[in-house]
C-alpha atoms as a PDB file:
ATOM      1  CA  UNK A   1      18.308  -9.226   4.703  1.00  0.00           C
ATOM      2  CA  UNK A   2      20.335  -6.090   4.117  1.00  0.00           C
ATOM      3  CA  UNK A   3      21.151  -5.118   0.536  1.00  0.00           C
ATOM      4  CA  UNK A   4      24.753  -4.292  -0.325  1.00  0.00           C
ATOM      5  CA  UNK A   5      25.481  -0.581  -0.296  1.00  0.00           C
ATOM      6  CA  UNK A   6      26.175  -0.452  -4.022  1.00  0.00           C
ATOM      7  CA  UNK A   7      22.657  -1.822  -4.775  1.00  0.00           C
ATOM      8  CA  UNK A   8      21.143   0.941  -2.674  1.00  0.00           C
ATOM      9  CA  UNK A   9      23.287   3.566  -4.432  1.00  0.00           C
ATOM     10  CA  UNK A  10      22.345   2.169  -7.853  1.00  0.00           C
ATOM     11  CA  UNK A  11      18.631   2.300  -7.017  1.00  0.00           C
ATOM     12  CA  UNK A  12      18.948   5.872  -5.817  1.00  0.00           C
ATOM     13  CA  UNK A  13      20.658   6.864  -9.065  1.00  0.00           C
ATOM     14  CA  UNK A  14      18.328   5.029 -11.416  1.00  0.00           C
ATOM     15  CA  UNK A  15      15.093   5.970  -9.676  1.00  0.00           C
ATOM     16  CA  UNK A  16      14.999   9.637 -10.729  1.00  0.00           C
ATOM     17  CA  UNK A  17      16.303   8.697 -14.195  1.00  0.00           C
ATOM     18  CA  UNK A  18      13.512   6.168 -14.721  1.00  0.00           C
ATOM     19  CA  UNK A  19      10.965   8.682 -13.486  1.00  0.00           C
ATOM     20  CA  UNK A  20      12.262  11.321 -15.871  1.00  0.00           C
ATOM     21  CA  UNK A  21      12.157   8.888 -18.786  1.00  0.00           C
ATOM     22  CA  UNK A  22       8.642   7.826 -17.896  1.00  0.00           C
ATOM     23  CA  UNK A  23       7.571  11.448 -17.806  1.00  0.00           C
ATOM     24  CA  UNK A  24       9.361  12.151 -21.080  1.00  0.00           C
ATOM     25  CA  UNK A  25       7.594   9.196 -22.726  1.00  0.00           C
ATOM     26  CA  UNK A  26       4.171  10.841 -22.320  1.00  0.00           C
ATOM     27  CA  UNK A  27       3.254  12.055 -25.809  1.00  0.00           C
ATOM     28  CA  UNK A  28       0.758  14.941 -25.931  1.00  0.00           C
ATOM     29  CA  UNK A  29      -2.163  14.625 -28.348  1.00  0.00           C
ATOM     30  CA  UNK A  30      -2.018  16.543 -31.633  1.00  0.00           C
ATOM     31  CA  UNK A  31      -3.231  20.126 -31.517  1.00  0.00           C
ATOM     32  CA  UNK A  32      -6.805  20.945 -32.481  1.00  0.00           C
ATOM     33  CA  UNK A  33      -6.569  23.005 -35.657  1.00  0.00           C
ATOM     34  CA  UNK A  34      -9.373  23.913 -38.030  1.00  0.00           C
ATOM     35  CA  UNK A  35      -8.477  21.921 -41.139  1.00  0.00           C
ATOM     36  CA  UNK A  36     -10.100  22.674 -44.480  1.00  0.00           C
ATOM     37  CA  UNK A  37     -10.530  20.078 -47.207  1.00  0.00           C
ATOM     38  CA  UNK A  38      -7.711  21.606 -49.278  1.00  0.00           C
ATOM     39  CA  UNK A  39      -5.429  22.047 -46.269  1.00  0.00           C
ATOM     40  CA  UNK A  40      -5.899  18.482 -45.061  1.00  0.00           C
ATOM     41  CA  UNK A  41      -5.086  17.138 -48.527  1.00  0.00           C
ATOM     42  CA  UNK A  42      -1.957  19.316 -48.800  1.00  0.00           C
ATOM     43  CA  UNK A  43       0.177  17.932 -45.975  1.00  0.00           C
ATOM     44  CA  UNK A  44       0.690  20.769 -43.508  1.00  0.00           C
ATOM     45  CA  UNK A  45      -1.684  23.057 -45.410  1.00  0.00           C
ATOM     46  CA  UNK A  46       0.412  24.550 -48.250  1.00  0.00           C
ATOM     47  CA  UNK A  47       0.015  27.759 -46.286  1.00  0.00           C
ATOM     48  CA  UNK A  48       1.750  30.165 -48.649  1.00  0.00           C
ATOM     49  CA  UNK A  49      -0.758  29.326 -51.404  1.00  0.00           C
ATOM     50  CA  UNK A  50      -3.831  29.040 -49.166  1.00  0.00           C
ATOM     51  CA  UNK A  51      -6.777  31.138 -50.337  1.00  0.00           C
ATOM     52  CA  UNK A  52     -10.435  31.637 -49.445  1.00  0.00           C
ATOM     53  CA  UNK A  53     -11.464  29.527 -46.409  1.00  0.00           C
ATOM     54  CA  UNK A  54      -8.036  27.871 -46.226  1.00  0.00           C
ATOM     55  CA  UNK A  55      -6.425  31.312 -45.839  1.00  0.00           C
ATOM     56  CA  UNK A  56      -8.576  32.012 -42.778  1.00  0.00           C
ATOM     57  CA  UNK A  57      -7.224  28.891 -41.105  1.00  0.00           C
ATOM     58  CA  UNK A  58      -3.609  28.712 -42.249  1.00  0.00           C
ATOM     59  CA  UNK A  59      -2.492  32.169 -43.395  1.00  0.00           C
ATOM     60  CA  UNK A  60      -4.844  35.132 -42.790  1.00  0.00           C
ATOM     61  CA  UNK A  61      -2.758  37.464 -44.976  1.00  0.00           C
ATOM     62  CA  UNK A  62      -3.949  35.425 -47.972  1.00  0.00           C
ATOM     63  CA  UNK A  63      -7.552  36.418 -47.377  1.00  0.00           C
ATOM     64  CA  UNK A  64      -6.601  39.283 -49.697  1.00  0.00           C
ATOM     65  CA  UNK A  65      -4.985  37.023 -52.303  1.00  0.00           C
ATOM     66  CA  UNK A  66      -8.089  36.951 -54.528  1.00  0.00           C
ATOM     67  CA  UNK A  67     -11.374  38.872 -54.741  1.00  0.00           C
ATOM     68  CA  UNK A  68     -13.960  36.273 -53.702  1.00  0.00           C
ATOM     69  CA  UNK A  69     -17.177  35.802 -51.761  1.00  0.00           C
ATOM     70  CA  UNK A  70     -17.337  32.164 -50.649  1.00  0.00           C
ATOM     71  CA  UNK A  71     -19.417  30.152 -48.197  1.00  0.00           C
ATOM     72  CA  UNK A  72     -18.181  26.705 -47.181  1.00  0.00           C
ATOM     73  CA  UNK A  73     -19.686  23.933 -45.071  1.00  0.00           C
ATOM     74  CA  UNK A  74     -17.930  20.711 -44.084  1.00  0.00           C
ATOM     75  CA  UNK A  75     -18.113  17.527 -42.056  1.00  0.00           C
ATOM     76  CA  UNK A  76     -15.153  15.488 -40.798  1.00  0.00           C
ATOM     77  CA  UNK A  77     -14.933  11.955 -39.396  1.00  0.00           C
ATOM     78  CA  UNK A  78     -12.236   9.930 -37.617  1.00  0.00           C
ATOM     79  CA  UNK A  79     -13.223   6.218 -37.733  1.00  0.00           C
ATOM     80  CA  UNK A  80     -10.833   4.987 -35.016  1.00  0.00           C
ATOM     81  CA  UNK A  81     -12.149   7.391 -32.381  1.00  0.00           C
ATOM     82  CA  UNK A  82     -15.672   7.712 -33.863  1.00  0.00           C
ATOM     83  CA  UNK A  83     -15.350  11.484 -33.644  1.00  0.00           C
ATOM     84  CA  UNK A  84     -17.298  13.876 -35.833  1.00  0.00           C
ATOM     85  CA  UNK A  85     -16.692  17.526 -36.569  1.00  0.00           C
ATOM     86  CA  UNK A  86     -18.736  19.970 -38.581  1.00  0.00           C
ATOM     87  CA  UNK A  87     -18.819  23.672 -39.255  1.00  0.00           C
ATOM     88  CA  UNK A  88     -18.963  26.493 -41.763  1.00  0.00           C
ATOM     89  CA  UNK A  89     -16.982  29.506 -42.965  1.00  0.00           C
ATOM     90  CA  UNK A  90     -17.678  32.702 -44.907  1.00  0.00           C
ATOM     91  CA  UNK A  91     -15.043  34.710 -46.777  1.00  0.00           C
ATOM     92  CA  UNK A  92     -15.563  38.169 -48.315  1.00  0.00           C
ATOM     93  CA  UNK A  93     -12.642  39.863 -50.019  1.00  0.00           C
ATOM     94  CA  UNK A  94     -14.907  41.311 -52.724  1.00  0.00           C
ATOM     95  CA  UNK A  95     -17.088  43.909 -50.995  1.00  0.00           C
ATOM     96  CA  UNK A  96     -14.480  46.126 -49.303  1.00  0.00           C
ATOM     97  CA  UNK A  97     -10.754  46.984 -49.410  1.00  0.00           C
ATOM     98  CA  UNK A  98     -10.228  44.944 -46.219  1.00  0.00           C
ATOM     99  CA  UNK A  99     -10.747  41.200 -46.693  1.00  0.00           C
ATOM    100  CA  UNK A 100     -12.672  39.413 -43.946  1.00  0.00           C
ATOM    101  CA  UNK A 101     -13.564  35.869 -42.933  1.00  0.00           C
ATOM    102  CA  UNK A 102     -15.492  34.126 -40.142  1.00  0.00           C
ATOM    103  CA  UNK A 103     -15.726  30.425 -39.268  1.00  0.00           C
ATOM    104  CA  UNK A 104     -17.161  28.096 -36.634  1.00  0.00           C
ATOM    105  CA  UNK A 105     -16.426  24.445 -35.867  1.00  0.00           C
ATOM    106  CA  UNK A 106     -17.858  21.968 -33.372  1.00  0.00           C
ATOM    107  CA  UNK A 107     -16.162  18.704 -32.302  1.00  0.00           C
ATOM    108  CA  UNK A 108     -18.366  15.845 -31.151  1.00  0.00           C
ATOM    109  CA  UNK A 109     -16.221  13.423 -29.161  1.00  0.00           C
ATOM    110  CA  UNK A 110     -16.981   9.855 -28.089  1.00  0.00           C
ATOM    111  CA  UNK A 111     -16.926  10.651 -24.350  1.00  0.00           C
ATOM    112  CA  UNK A 112     -14.123   8.179 -23.591  1.00  0.00           C
ATOM    113  CA  UNK A 113     -10.916   9.447 -25.231  1.00  0.00           C
ATOM    114  CA  UNK A 114      -9.876  12.078 -27.701  1.00  0.00           C
ATOM    115  CA  UNK A 115     -11.080  15.679 -27.725  1.00  0.00           C
ATOM    116  CA  UNK A 116     -14.338  17.596 -27.870  1.00  0.00           C
ATOM    117  CA  UNK A 117     -15.326  21.268 -27.983  1.00  0.00           C
ATOM    118  CA  UNK A 118     -15.706  24.196 -30.337  1.00  0.00           C
ATOM    119  CA  UNK A 119     -13.941  27.161 -31.851  1.00  0.00           C
ATOM    120  CA  UNK A 120     -14.841  30.379 -33.654  1.00  0.00           C
ATOM    121  CA  UNK A 121     -12.568  32.556 -35.754  1.00  0.00           C
ATOM    122  CA  UNK A 122     -12.600  36.046 -37.298  1.00  0.00           C
ATOM    123  CA  UNK A 123      -9.880  37.130 -39.727  1.00  0.00           C
ATOM    124  CA  UNK A 124      -8.892  40.381 -41.453  1.00  0.00           C
ATOM    125  CA  UNK A 125      -6.326  41.082 -44.170  1.00  0.00           C
ATOM    126  CA  UNK A 126      -5.041  44.228 -45.847  1.00  0.00           C
ATOM    127  CA  UNK A 127      -3.299  44.071 -49.251  1.00  0.00           C
ATOM    128  CA  UNK A 128      -0.479  46.566 -49.791  1.00  0.00           C
ATOM    129  CA  UNK A 129      -0.244  46.366 -53.561  1.00  0.00           C
ATOM    130  CA  UNK A 130      -0.226  43.063 -55.438  1.00  0.00           C
ATOM    131  CA  UNK A 131       2.984  41.785 -53.873  1.00  0.00           C
ATOM    132  CA  UNK A 132       2.428  42.195 -50.132  1.00  0.00           C
ATOM    133  CA  UNK A 133      -0.326  41.586 -47.576  1.00  0.00           C
ATOM    134  CA  UNK A 134      -0.693  41.345 -43.807  1.00  0.00           C
ATOM    135  CA  UNK A 135      -3.402  39.535 -41.888  1.00  0.00           C
ATOM    136  CA  UNK A 136      -4.578  38.654 -38.406  1.00  0.00           C
ATOM    137  CA  UNK A 137      -7.182  36.199 -37.096  1.00  0.00           C
ATOM    138  CA  UNK A 138      -8.711  36.195 -33.624  1.00  0.00           C
ATOM    139  CA  UNK A 139      -9.776  32.815 -32.298  1.00  0.00           C
ATOM    140  CA  UNK A 140     -11.984  31.722 -29.395  1.00  0.00           C
ATOM    141  CA  UNK A 141     -11.458  28.084 -28.397  1.00  0.00           C
ATOM    142  CA  UNK A 142     -13.022  25.729 -25.887  1.00  0.00           C
ATOM    143  CA  UNK A 143     -11.503  22.227 -26.100  1.00  0.00           C
ATOM    144  CA  UNK A 144     -11.477  19.392 -23.558  1.00  0.00           C
ATOM    145  CA  UNK A 145      -9.666  16.066 -23.611  1.00  0.00           C
ATOM    146  CA  UNK A 146     -12.084  13.297 -22.738  1.00  0.00           C
ATOM    147  CA  UNK A 147     -11.407  10.319 -20.500  1.00  0.00           C
ATOM    148  CA  UNK A 148      -8.578   9.816 -17.962  1.00  0.00           C
ATOM    149  CA  UNK A 149      -5.392  11.794 -18.551  1.00  0.00           C
ATOM    150  CA  UNK A 150      -2.047   9.959 -18.955  1.00  0.00           C
ATOM    151  CA  UNK A 151       0.073   9.882 -15.809  1.00  0.00           C
ATOM    152  CA  UNK A 152       2.704  12.593 -15.906  1.00  0.00           C
ATOM    153  CA  UNK A 153       0.877  14.673 -18.538  1.00  0.00           C
ATOM    154  CA  UNK A 154       0.656  18.113 -16.959  1.00  0.00           C
ATOM    155  CA  UNK A 155       0.391  20.241 -20.109  1.00  0.00           C
ATOM    156  CA  UNK A 156      -3.291  21.054 -19.755  1.00  0.00           C
ATOM    157  CA  UNK A 157      -6.255  18.721 -20.388  1.00  0.00           C
ATOM    158  CA  UNK A 158      -8.369  21.642 -21.601  1.00  0.00           C
ATOM    159  CA  UNK A 159      -8.011  24.990 -23.341  1.00  0.00           C
ATOM    160  CA  UNK A 160     -10.493  27.862 -23.219  1.00  0.00           C
ATOM    161  CA  UNK A 161     -10.063  31.503 -24.123  1.00  0.00           C
ATOM    162  CA  UNK A 162      -8.962  33.861 -26.870  1.00  0.00           C
ATOM    163  CA  UNK A 163      -5.799  33.663 -28.924  1.00  0.00           C
ATOM    164  CA  UNK A 164      -4.768  34.993 -32.336  1.00  0.00           C
ATOM    165  CA  UNK A 165      -2.803  34.240 -35.491  1.00  0.00           C
ATOM    166  CA  UNK A 166      -0.820  36.674 -37.645  1.00  0.00           C
ATOM    167  CA  UNK A 167       0.939  36.395 -40.998  1.00  0.00           C
ATOM    168  CA  UNK A 168       2.694  38.272 -43.763  1.00  0.00           C
ATOM    169  CA  UNK A 169       2.669  37.198 -47.403  1.00  0.00           C
ATOM    170  CA  UNK A 170       5.114  38.367 -50.088  1.00  0.00           C
ATOM    171  CA  UNK A 171       4.853  37.639 -53.834  1.00  0.00           C
ATOM    172  CA  UNK A 172       8.214  38.670 -55.349  1.00  0.00           C
ATOM    173  CA  UNK A 173       7.388  37.246 -58.804  1.00  0.00           C
ATOM    174  CA  UNK A 174       4.199  35.934 -60.379  1.00  0.00           C
ATOM    175  CA  UNK A 175       3.313  32.514 -58.988  1.00  0.00           C
ATOM    176  CA  UNK A 176       5.784  32.557 -56.085  1.00  0.00           C
ATOM    177  CA  UNK A 177       4.337  33.161 -52.620  1.00  0.00           C
ATOM    178  CA  UNK A 178       6.352  33.314 -49.394  1.00  0.00           C
ATOM    179  CA  UNK A 179       4.668  33.594 -45.994  1.00  0.00           C
ATOM    180  CA  UNK A 180       5.774  34.139 -42.394  1.00  0.00           C
ATOM    181  CA  UNK A 181       3.202  32.790 -39.948  1.00  0.00           C
ATOM    182  CA  UNK A 182       2.511  32.775 -36.203  1.00  0.00           C
ATOM    183  CA  UNK A 183      -0.370  30.743 -34.740  1.00  0.00           C
ATOM    184  CA  UNK A 184      -1.916  30.744 -31.261  1.00  0.00           C
ATOM    185  CA  UNK A 185       0.424  33.507 -30.168  1.00  0.00           C
ATOM    186  CA  UNK A 186      -1.256  33.636 -26.745  1.00  0.00           C
ATOM    187  CA  UNK A 187      -0.143  30.430 -25.010  1.00  0.00           C
ATOM    188  CA  UNK A 188      -2.795  28.482 -23.075  1.00  0.00           C
ATOM    189  CA  UNK A 189      -0.319  25.982 -21.638  1.00  0.00           C
ATOM    190  CA  UNK A 190      -2.134  23.166 -23.458  1.00  0.00           C
ATOM    191  CA  UNK A 191      -0.997  20.949 -26.347  1.00  0.00           C
ATOM    192  CA  UNK A 192      -4.504  21.318 -27.790  1.00  0.00           C
ATOM    193  CA  UNK A 193      -3.618  24.906 -28.791  1.00  0.00           C
ATOM    194  CA  UNK A 194       0.139  24.971 -29.469  1.00  0.00           C
ATOM    195  CA  UNK A 195       2.067  28.166 -30.153  1.00  0.00           C
ATOM    196  CA  UNK A 196       3.532  27.798 -33.656  1.00  0.00           C
ATOM    197  CA  UNK A 197       5.836  30.029 -35.695  1.00  0.00           C
ATOM    198  CA  UNK A 198       7.383  29.416 -39.077  1.00  0.00           C
ATOM    199  CA  UNK A 199       6.949  29.895 -42.780  1.00  0.00           C
ATOM    200  CA  UNK A 200       5.826  28.493 -46.088  1.00  0.00           C
ATOM    201  CA  UNK A 201       6.683  28.845 -49.769  1.00  0.00           C
ATOM    202  CA  UNK A 202       4.734  27.839 -52.866  1.00  0.00           C
ATOM    203  CA  UNK A 203       5.094  28.148 -56.607  1.00  0.00           C
ATOM    204  CA  UNK A 204       2.234  27.915 -59.099  1.00  0.00           C
ATOM    205  CA  UNK A 205       2.712  27.366 -62.831  1.00  0.00           C
ATOM    206  CA  UNK A 206      -0.006  28.732 -65.168  1.00  0.00           C
ATOM    207  CA  UNK A 207      -2.633  28.441 -62.396  1.00  0.00           C
ATOM    208  CA  UNK A 208      -2.549  24.679 -62.990  1.00  0.00           C
ATOM    209  CA  UNK A 209       0.258  23.088 -60.969  1.00  0.00           C
ATOM    210  CA  UNK A 210       1.342  24.104 -57.455  1.00  0.00           C
ATOM    211  CA  UNK A 211       4.109  22.783 -55.240  1.00  0.00           C
ATOM    212  CA  UNK A 212       4.538  23.913 -51.634  1.00  0.00           C
ATOM    213  CA  UNK A 213       6.687  23.368 -48.557  1.00  0.00           C
ATOM    214  CA  UNK A 214       5.813  24.271 -44.956  1.00  0.00           C
ATOM    215  CA  UNK A 215       7.838  24.419 -41.767  1.00  0.00           C
ATOM    216  CA  UNK A 216       6.645  25.366 -38.286  1.00  0.00           C
ATOM    217  CA  UNK A 217       8.213  25.238 -34.826  1.00  0.00           C
ATOM    218  CA  UNK A 218       6.078  24.165 -31.872  1.00  0.00           C
ATOM    219  CA  UNK A 219       7.249  26.414 -29.027  1.00  0.00           C
ATOM    220  CA  UNK A 220       4.851  25.453 -26.250  1.00  0.00           C
ATOM    221  CA  UNK A 221       4.028  21.732 -26.128  1.00  0.00           C
ATOM    222  CA  UNK A 222       7.144  19.712 -25.284  1.00  0.00           C
ATOM    223  CA  UNK A 223       9.432  19.920 -22.272  1.00  0.00           C
ATOM    224  CA  UNK A 224      12.761  18.566 -21.135  1.00  0.00           C
ATOM    225  CA  UNK A 225      12.894  16.498 -17.907  1.00  0.00           C
ATOM    226  CA  UNK A 226      13.816  19.667 -15.990  1.00  0.00           C
ATOM    227  CA  UNK A 227      10.563  21.323 -17.144  1.00  0.00           C
ATOM    228  CA  UNK A 228      12.051  23.750 -19.660  1.00  0.00           C
ATOM    229  CA  UNK A 229      10.330  23.993 -23.046  1.00  0.00           C
ATOM    230  CA  UNK A 230      11.734  21.934 -25.919  1.00  0.00           C
ATOM    231  CA  UNK A 231      10.976  23.260 -29.434  1.00  0.00           C
ATOM    232  CA  UNK A 232       9.932  20.679 -32.010  1.00  0.00           C
ATOM    233  CA  UNK A 233       9.259  20.934 -35.746  1.00  0.00           C
ATOM    234  CA  UNK A 234       6.293  20.284 -38.031  1.00  0.00           C
ATOM    235  CA  UNK A 235       7.302  19.811 -41.666  1.00  0.00           C
ATOM    236  CA  UNK A 236       5.239  19.338 -44.807  1.00  0.00           C
ATOM    237  CA  UNK A 237       5.392  19.136 -48.593  1.00  0.00           C
ATOM    238  CA  UNK A 238       2.586  18.931 -51.151  1.00  0.00           C
ATOM    239  CA  UNK A 239       1.521  19.251 -54.763  1.00  0.00           C
ATOM    240  CA  UNK A 240      -1.727  20.185 -56.493  1.00  0.00           C
ATOM    241  CA  UNK A 241      -2.808  19.713 -60.100  1.00  0.00           C
ATOM    242  CA  UNK A 242      -5.901  21.612 -61.215  1.00  0.00           C
ATOM    243  CA  UNK A 243      -7.440  20.465 -64.478  1.00  0.00           C
ATOM    244  CA  UNK A 244      -9.985  23.285 -64.570  1.00  0.00           C
ATOM    245  CA  UNK A 245     -12.779  21.410 -62.820  1.00  0.00           C
ATOM    246  CA  UNK A 246     -11.005  18.659 -60.870  1.00  0.00           C
ATOM    247  CA  UNK A 247      -8.292  19.472 -58.287  1.00  0.00           C
ATOM    248  CA  UNK A 248      -5.969  16.550 -57.501  1.00  0.00           C
ATOM    249  CA  UNK A 249      -3.881  16.925 -54.331  1.00  0.00           C
ATOM    250  CA  UNK A 250      -1.301  14.958 -52.375  1.00  0.00           C
ATOM    251  CA  UNK A 251       0.998  15.717 -49.469  1.00  0.00           C
ATOM    252  CA  UNK A 252       3.089  14.536 -46.539  1.00  0.00           C
ATOM    253  CA  UNK A 253       3.738  15.902 -43.074  1.00  0.00           C
ATOM    254  CA  UNK A 254       5.951  15.006 -40.126  1.00  0.00           C
ATOM    255  CA  UNK A 255       5.692  15.958 -36.457  1.00  0.00           C
ATOM    256  CA  UNK A 256       9.137  15.529 -34.857  1.00  0.00           C
ATOM    257  CA  UNK A 257       7.857  15.849 -31.280  1.00  0.00           C
ATOM    258  CA  UNK A 258       5.374  12.998 -31.624  1.00  0.00           C
ATOM    259  CA  UNK A 259       7.297  11.079 -34.351  1.00  0.00           C
ATOM    260  CA  UNK A 260       4.149  11.073 -36.484  1.00  0.00           C
ATOM    261  CA  UNK A 261       4.174  10.784 -40.279  1.00  0.00           C
ATOM    262  CA  UNK A 262       1.035  11.490 -42.319  1.00  0.00           C
ATOM    263  CA  UNK A 263       0.293  10.997 -45.985  1.00  0.00           C
ATOM    264  CA  UNK A 264      -2.581  13.004 -47.442  1.00  0.00           C
ATOM    265  CA  UNK A 265      -4.649  13.141 -50.621  1.00  0.00           C
ATOM    266  CA  UNK A 266      -7.711  14.851 -52.005  1.00  0.00           C
ATOM    267  CA  UNK A 267     -10.040  15.153 -54.993  1.00  0.00           C
ATOM    268  CA  UNK A 268     -12.736  17.628 -55.895  1.00  0.00           C
ATOM    269  CA  UNK A 269     -15.097  18.945 -58.509  1.00  0.00           C
ATOM    270  CA  UNK A 270     -15.426  22.685 -59.096  1.00  0.00           C
ATOM    271  CA  UNK A 271     -17.610  24.834 -61.328  1.00  0.00           C
ATOM    272  CA  UNK A 272     -18.085  28.608 -61.487  1.00  0.00           C
ATOM    273  CA  UNK A 273     -20.873  28.351 -58.885  1.00  0.00           C
ATOM    274  CA  UNK A 274     -19.928  25.606 -56.428  1.00  0.00           C
ATOM    275  CA  UNK A 275     -17.300  23.073 -55.472  1.00  0.00           C
ATOM    276  CA  UNK A 276     -17.249  19.780 -53.578  1.00  0.00           C
ATOM    277  CA  UNK A 277     -14.062  18.257 -52.154  1.00  0.00           C
ATOM    278  CA  UNK A 278     -13.055  15.083 -50.308  1.00  0.00           C
ATOM    279  CA  UNK A 279      -9.813  14.789 -48.343  1.00  0.00           C
ATOM    280  CA  UNK A 280      -8.011  11.930 -46.632  1.00  0.00           C
ATOM    281  CA  UNK A 281      -5.186  11.838 -44.088  1.00  0.00           C
ATOM    282  CA  UNK A 282      -3.553   8.625 -42.875  1.00  0.00           C
ATOM    283  CA  UNK A 283      -1.012   8.212 -40.108  1.00  0.00           C
ATOM    284  CA  UNK A 284       1.687   5.834 -41.364  1.00  0.00           C
ATOM    285  CA  UNK A 285       3.869   5.518 -38.268  1.00  0.00           C
ATOM    286  CA  UNK A 286       2.579   4.638 -34.810  1.00  0.00           C
ATOM    287  CA  UNK A 287      -1.190   4.582 -34.400  1.00  0.00           C
ATOM    288  CA  UNK A 288      -3.483   3.755 -37.297  1.00  0.00           C
ATOM    289  CA  UNK A 289      -5.241   7.116 -37.318  1.00  0.00           C
ATOM    290  CA  UNK A 290      -7.453   8.014 -40.298  1.00  0.00           C
ATOM    291  CA  UNK A 291      -9.148  11.351 -40.950  1.00  0.00           C
ATOM    292  CA  UNK A 292     -11.781  12.009 -43.616  1.00  0.00           C
ATOM    293  CA  UNK A 293     -13.310  15.360 -44.555  1.00  0.00           C
ATOM    294  CA  UNK A 294     -16.023  16.310 -47.022  1.00  0.00           C
ATOM    295  CA  UNK A 295     -16.653  19.955 -47.851  1.00  0.00           C
ATOM    296  CA  UNK A 296     -18.907  21.987 -50.103  1.00  0.00           C
ATOM    297  CA  UNK A 297     -18.204  25.563 -51.217  1.00  0.00           C
ATOM    298  CA  UNK A 298     -20.536  28.087 -52.830  1.00  0.00           C
ATOM    299  CA  UNK A 299     -19.118  30.863 -55.021  1.00  0.00           C
ATOM    300  CA  UNK A 300     -21.028  34.128 -55.139  1.00  0.00           C
ATOM    301  CA  UNK A 301     -18.284  36.150 -56.864  1.00  0.00           C
END
């Protein structure tokens, strides 16, 4: 039986449209970033106020924010995917005019879905007076997505090589920090290592209460049906109350490209010699994804 001509024409018109929508519906996995316990608890990281090991990850210019010598170890766990991660970092902004940090992380996947791999990072920062600093961090990554890849996902199931981050931090008045940040500025063509640019601002009152906002643009992960890149935003807000020994943290973040909302929280205990912190991140829209991280930090100066 022959189909009427208008049915044939309709099929020809809708076929490419359905294919494009199917391709557009493929959602890349979140990027693999080295979260610290403070950063995970503070939404998108509270990057303008990040210091010590958090500065190495989120804002290398802030390696020079304080004169410290810290060693941190951590372990992370995602119950839904039974994935573990562990690593360590060392920060020294005490021994020389140039602040320096190194870190290493290993991801142990479940072999069926999710990601696995490792990364190492080296960061440097130079303060130019008390109100201005610049920093850069080189990063070697080797990540692989485990299991079968979604049909139509051509944005790279693995990422291996060297990339770098750069940032500038300005402190116009006491307590107010403003940062411009670029991450993974060498594009691997993989959503596991997205190219991000943006900024952050934070304000701290009496070294006790901090509020922060973060905004980044993902310039490498998402595409239109014609293959051209589609920028998307990552937004975050957070607050931290430090009683002297116990930091209390809470935050929120939103990924517009993946339509993912997270709420975050964290607690810790800190003395003049060591600190221990626990952080929690929960996806509240879409998948029921939970992240937990426990970290210990040792203060030498």
